[in-house]
Amino acid sequence: MLVAAVGQPHVIVPEMVKLGSTVIDVGLTRTNEGLLGDVDPAAAERAAYITPVPGGVGPMTIAMVLQNTVTAARARRGKLANPAH
């Protein structure tokens, strides 16, 4: 598994990706060409799975931030005995 969160467009080139690996591209950079991830799209030919950019990990990040916000608010109000659940 390769997780790229560098913040530099296409810094991970295909030669850096092991055949059959899973690639999670967390990085996102806005350029004149549009939104670009840290992983060169050509790396998809080597990876078994690769997250899309945009639209890959972003929705999951937002969902987890919202879940953690609700958990924290409930814990603060004393409505949650165990904040981990």
N, C-alpha and C. Protein backbone atom coordinates (compact mmCIF):
# COMPACT_ATOMS: atom_id res chain seq x y z
N MET A 1 0.85 -1.17 0.00
CA MET A 1 0.00 0.00 0.00
C MET A 1 0.90 1.23 0.00
N LEU A 2 0.52 2.19 -0.81
CA LEU A 2 1.22 3.46 -0.90
C LEU A 2 0.23 4.57 -0.60
N VAL A 3 0.52 5.39 0.39
CA VAL A 3 -0.30 6.55 0.72
C VAL A 3 0.54 7.78 0.42
N ALA A 4 0.06 8.61 -0.49
CA ALA A 4 0.80 9.81 -0.89
C ALA A 4 0.07 11.04 -0.35
N ALA A 5 0.75 11.80 0.49
CA ALA A 5 0.19 13.03 1.05
C ALA A 5 1.29 14.08 1.10
N VAL A 6 1.85 14.38 -0.04
CA VAL A 6 3.00 15.26 -0.15
C VAL A 6 2.61 16.70 -0.47
N GLY A 7 1.60 16.87 -1.30
CA GLY A 7 1.18 18.20 -1.71
C GLY A 7 1.93 18.72 -2.92
N GLN A 8 2.51 17.82 -3.70
CA GLN A 8 3.22 18.18 -4.94
C GLN A 8 2.61 17.38 -6.09
N PRO A 9 2.10 18.04 -7.11
CA PRO A 9 1.45 17.34 -8.20
C PRO A 9 2.36 16.31 -8.87
N HIS A 10 1.85 15.10 -8.98
CA HIS A 10 2.48 14.00 -9.72
C HIS A 10 3.90 13.69 -9.27
N VAL A 11 4.20 13.88 -8.00
CA VAL A 11 5.54 13.58 -7.48
C VAL A 11 5.79 12.07 -7.46
N ILE A 12 4.73 11.28 -7.35
CA ILE A 12 4.86 9.82 -7.40
C ILE A 12 4.67 9.38 -8.84
N VAL A 13 5.72 8.89 -9.45
CA VAL A 13 5.68 8.45 -10.85
C VAL A 13 5.45 6.94 -10.91
N PRO A 14 5.01 6.42 -12.04
CA PRO A 14 4.69 5.00 -12.14
C PRO A 14 5.80 4.06 -11.67
N GLU A 15 7.05 4.41 -11.92
CA GLU A 15 8.17 3.54 -11.54
C GLU A 15 8.28 3.36 -10.03
N MET A 16 7.65 4.24 -9.27
CA MET A 16 7.69 4.17 -7.80
C MET A 16 6.59 3.27 -7.24
N VAL A 17 5.69 2.83 -8.08
CA VAL A 17 4.53 2.05 -7.63
C VAL A 17 4.76 0.57 -7.90
N LYS A 18 4.67 -0.22 -6.86
CA LYS A 18 4.83 -1.67 -6.98
C LYS A 18 3.65 -2.26 -7.75
N LEU A 19 3.93 -3.20 -8.62
CA LEU A 19 2.86 -3.86 -9.38
C LEU A 19 1.83 -4.46 -8.44
N GLY A 20 0.55 -4.20 -8.71
CA GLY A 20 -0.52 -4.79 -7.93
C GLY A 20 -0.80 -4.13 -6.60
N SER A 21 -0.18 -3.00 -6.33
CA SER A 21 -0.36 -2.35 -5.04
C SER A 21 -1.64 -1.52 -4.99
N THR A 22 -1.97 -1.08 -3.79
CA THR A 22 -3.09 -0.17 -3.57
C THR A 22 -2.50 1.21 -3.34
N VAL A 23 -3.00 2.21 -4.07
CA VAL A 23 -2.47 3.57 -3.97
C VAL A 23 -3.58 4.49 -3.50
N ILE A 24 -3.32 5.17 -2.38
CA ILE A 24 -4.26 6.14 -1.83
C ILE A 24 -3.63 7.52 -1.99
N ASP A 25 -4.21 8.31 -2.86
CA ASP A 25 -3.68 9.64 -3.16
C ASP A 25 -4.44 10.67 -2.33
N VAL A 26 -3.81 11.15 -1.26
CA VAL A 26 -4.42 12.10 -0.35
C VAL A 26 -4.15 13.53 -0.81
N GLY A 27 -3.03 13.75 -1.47
CA GLY A 27 -2.62 15.10 -1.87
C GLY A 27 -3.53 15.69 -2.92
N LEU A 28 -3.69 17.01 -2.84
CA LEU A 28 -4.52 17.72 -3.81
C LEU A 28 -3.93 19.10 -4.00
N THR A 29 -3.64 19.44 -5.25
CA THR A 29 -3.06 20.75 -5.56
C THR A 29 -3.87 21.37 -6.68
N ARG A 30 -4.26 22.63 -6.48
CA ARG A 30 -4.99 23.36 -7.52
C ARG A 30 -3.97 24.02 -8.45
N THR A 31 -4.08 23.72 -9.73
CA THR A 31 -3.18 24.29 -10.73
C THR A 31 -4.01 24.89 -11.86
N ASN A 32 -3.34 25.49 -12.83
CA ASN A 32 -4.04 25.99 -14.01
C ASN A 32 -4.68 24.85 -14.81
N GLU A 33 -4.14 23.64 -14.63
CA GLU A 33 -4.68 22.46 -15.32
C GLU A 33 -5.87 21.86 -14.58
N GLY A 34 -6.13 22.34 -13.38
CA GLY A 34 -7.22 21.80 -12.55
C GLY A 34 -6.66 21.22 -11.27
N LEU A 35 -7.42 20.34 -10.63
CA LEU A 35 -6.99 19.71 -9.39
C LEU A 35 -6.14 18.49 -9.72
N LEU A 36 -4.95 18.43 -9.15
CA LEU A 36 -4.03 17.32 -9.41
C LEU A 36 -3.64 16.66 -8.10
N GLY A 37 -3.48 15.35 -8.15
CA GLY A 37 -3.04 14.60 -6.98
C GLY A 37 -1.53 14.44 -6.96
N ASP A 38 -1.06 13.83 -5.90
CA ASP A 38 0.38 13.56 -5.75
C ASP A 38 0.87 12.46 -6.68
N VAL A 39 -0.04 11.61 -7.12
CA VAL A 39 0.32 10.44 -7.92
C VAL A 39 0.01 10.71 -9.40
N ASP A 40 0.99 10.47 -10.24
CA ASP A 40 0.81 10.58 -11.68
C ASP A 40 -0.26 9.59 -12.11
N PRO A 41 -1.28 10.02 -12.86
CA PRO A 41 -2.34 9.11 -13.27
C PRO A 41 -1.84 7.87 -14.02
N ALA A 42 -0.68 7.95 -14.65
CA ALA A 42 -0.12 6.80 -15.36
C ALA A 42 0.22 5.66 -14.40
N ALA A 43 0.33 5.96 -13.11
CA ALA A 43 0.62 4.92 -12.11
C ALA A 43 -0.53 3.93 -11.98
N ALA A 44 -1.69 4.28 -12.45
CA ALA A 44 -2.86 3.39 -12.40
C ALA A 44 -2.61 2.11 -13.19
N GLU A 45 -1.73 2.16 -14.17
CA GLU A 45 -1.40 0.97 -14.96
C GLU A 45 -0.64 -0.07 -14.14
N ARG A 46 0.03 0.35 -13.07
CA ARG A 46 0.80 -0.56 -12.23
C ARG A 46 0.04 -0.98 -10.97
N ALA A 47 -0.83 -0.11 -10.50
CA ALA A 47 -1.55 -0.37 -9.26
C ALA A 47 -2.78 -1.24 -9.51
N ALA A 48 -3.13 -2.07 -8.51
CA ALA A 48 -4.36 -2.84 -8.60
C ALA A 48 -5.55 -1.93 -8.30
N TYR A 49 -5.35 -1.01 -7.35
CA TYR A 49 -6.39 -0.06 -6.96
C TYR A 49 -5.75 1.30 -6.75
N ILE A 50 -6.46 2.36 -7.14
CA ILE A 50 -5.96 3.72 -6.94
C ILE A 50 -7.15 4.65 -6.73
N THR A 51 -7.03 5.56 -5.75
CA THR A 51 -8.12 6.48 -5.49
C THR A 51 -8.13 7.57 -6.55
N PRO A 52 -9.32 8.03 -6.92
CA PRO A 52 -9.40 9.11 -7.91
C PRO A 52 -9.09 10.46 -7.28
N VAL A 53 -8.67 11.40 -8.11
CA VAL A 53 -8.47 12.79 -7.70
C VAL A 53 -9.13 13.66 -8.75
N PRO A 54 -10.05 14.52 -8.34
CA PRO A 54 -10.64 14.66 -7.01
C PRO A 54 -11.71 13.59 -6.76
N GLY A 55 -12.21 13.56 -5.55
CA GLY A 55 -13.31 12.67 -5.21
C GLY A 55 -12.91 11.37 -4.54
N GLY A 56 -11.66 11.22 -4.22
CA GLY A 56 -11.19 9.98 -3.59
C GLY A 56 -11.39 9.98 -2.09
N VAL A 57 -10.41 10.49 -1.36
CA VAL A 57 -10.47 10.45 0.11
C VAL A 57 -11.21 11.65 0.69
N GLY A 58 -11.45 12.67 -0.08
CA GLY A 58 -12.11 13.88 0.42
C GLY A 58 -13.45 13.61 1.08
N PRO A 59 -14.38 12.90 0.43
CA PRO A 59 -15.67 12.63 1.06
C PRO A 59 -15.54 11.85 2.37
N MET A 60 -14.59 10.93 2.46
CA MET A 60 -14.39 10.18 3.70
C MET A 60 -13.83 11.09 4.79
N THR A 61 -12.93 12.00 4.42
CA THR A 61 -12.38 12.95 5.38
C THR A 61 -13.49 13.81 5.97
N ILE A 62 -14.36 14.33 5.12
CA ILE A 62 -15.47 15.17 5.58
C ILE A 62 -16.40 14.37 6.49
N ALA A 63 -16.73 13.14 6.11
CA ALA A 63 -17.61 12.30 6.93
C ALA A 63 -17.01 12.06 8.32
N MET A 64 -15.71 11.80 8.39
CA MET A 64 -15.08 11.53 9.67
C MET A 64 -14.98 12.80 10.53
N VAL A 65 -14.74 13.94 9.92
CA VAL A 65 -14.72 15.20 10.68
C VAL A 65 -16.09 15.46 11.28
N LEU A 66 -17.15 15.25 10.50
CA LEU A 66 -18.51 15.45 11.01
C LEU A 66 -18.82 14.47 12.14
N GLN A 67 -18.44 13.21 11.97
CA GLN A 67 -18.68 12.21 13.01
C GLN A 67 -17.94 12.59 14.30
N ASN A 68 -16.69 12.99 14.19
CA ASN A 68 -15.91 13.37 15.36
C ASN A 68 -16.48 14.62 16.03
N THR A 69 -17.03 15.55 15.25
CA THR A 69 -17.64 16.76 15.80
C THR A 69 -18.87 16.41 16.63
N VAL A 70 -19.72 15.54 16.10
CA VAL A 70 -20.91 15.11 16.84
C VAL A 70 -20.51 14.35 18.11
N THR A 71 -19.53 13.46 18.01
CA THR A 71 -19.06 12.72 19.18
C THR A 71 -18.53 13.66 20.25
N ALA A 72 -17.75 14.66 19.85
CA ALA A 72 -17.20 15.62 20.80
C ALA A 72 -18.30 16.45 21.46
N ALA A 73 -19.30 16.87 20.68
CA ALA A 73 -20.40 17.65 21.23
C ALA A 73 -21.20 16.83 22.23
N ARG A 74 -21.45 15.58 21.91
CA ARG A 74 -22.18 14.72 22.84
C ARG A 74 -21.38 14.48 24.12
N ALA A 75 -20.09 14.27 23.98
CA ALA A 75 -19.24 14.05 25.14
C ALA A 75 -19.21 15.29 26.03
N ARG A 76 -19.17 16.44 25.42
CA ARG A 76 -19.14 17.70 26.17
C ARG A 76 -20.44 17.92 26.95
N ARG A 77 -21.53 17.48 26.38
CA ARG A 77 -22.82 17.63 27.05
C ARG A 77 -23.09 16.50 28.04
N GLY A 78 -22.16 15.53 28.13
CA GLY A 78 -22.34 14.44 29.07
C GLY A 78 -23.29 13.37 28.58
N LYS A 79 -23.60 13.37 27.31
CA LYS A 79 -24.54 12.41 26.73
C LYS A 79 -23.87 11.12 26.29
N LEU A 80 -22.57 11.06 26.44
CA LEU A 80 -21.84 9.91 25.94
C LEU A 80 -20.94 9.39 27.05
N ALA A 81 -21.20 8.17 27.50
CA ALA A 81 -20.39 7.60 28.58
C ALA A 81 -18.98 7.31 28.14
N ASN A 82 -18.83 6.79 26.91
CA ASN A 82 -17.53 6.43 26.37
C ASN A 82 -17.33 7.20 25.07
N PRO A 83 -16.52 8.29 25.05
CA PRO A 83 -16.35 9.10 23.84
C PRO A 83 -15.80 8.32 22.65
N ALA A 84 -15.24 7.16 22.86
CA ALA A 84 -14.69 6.39 21.73
C ALA A 84 -15.79 5.73 20.91
N HIS A 85 -17.03 5.74 21.38
CA HIS A 85 -18.13 5.10 20.61
C HIS A 85 -19.21 6.07 20.29
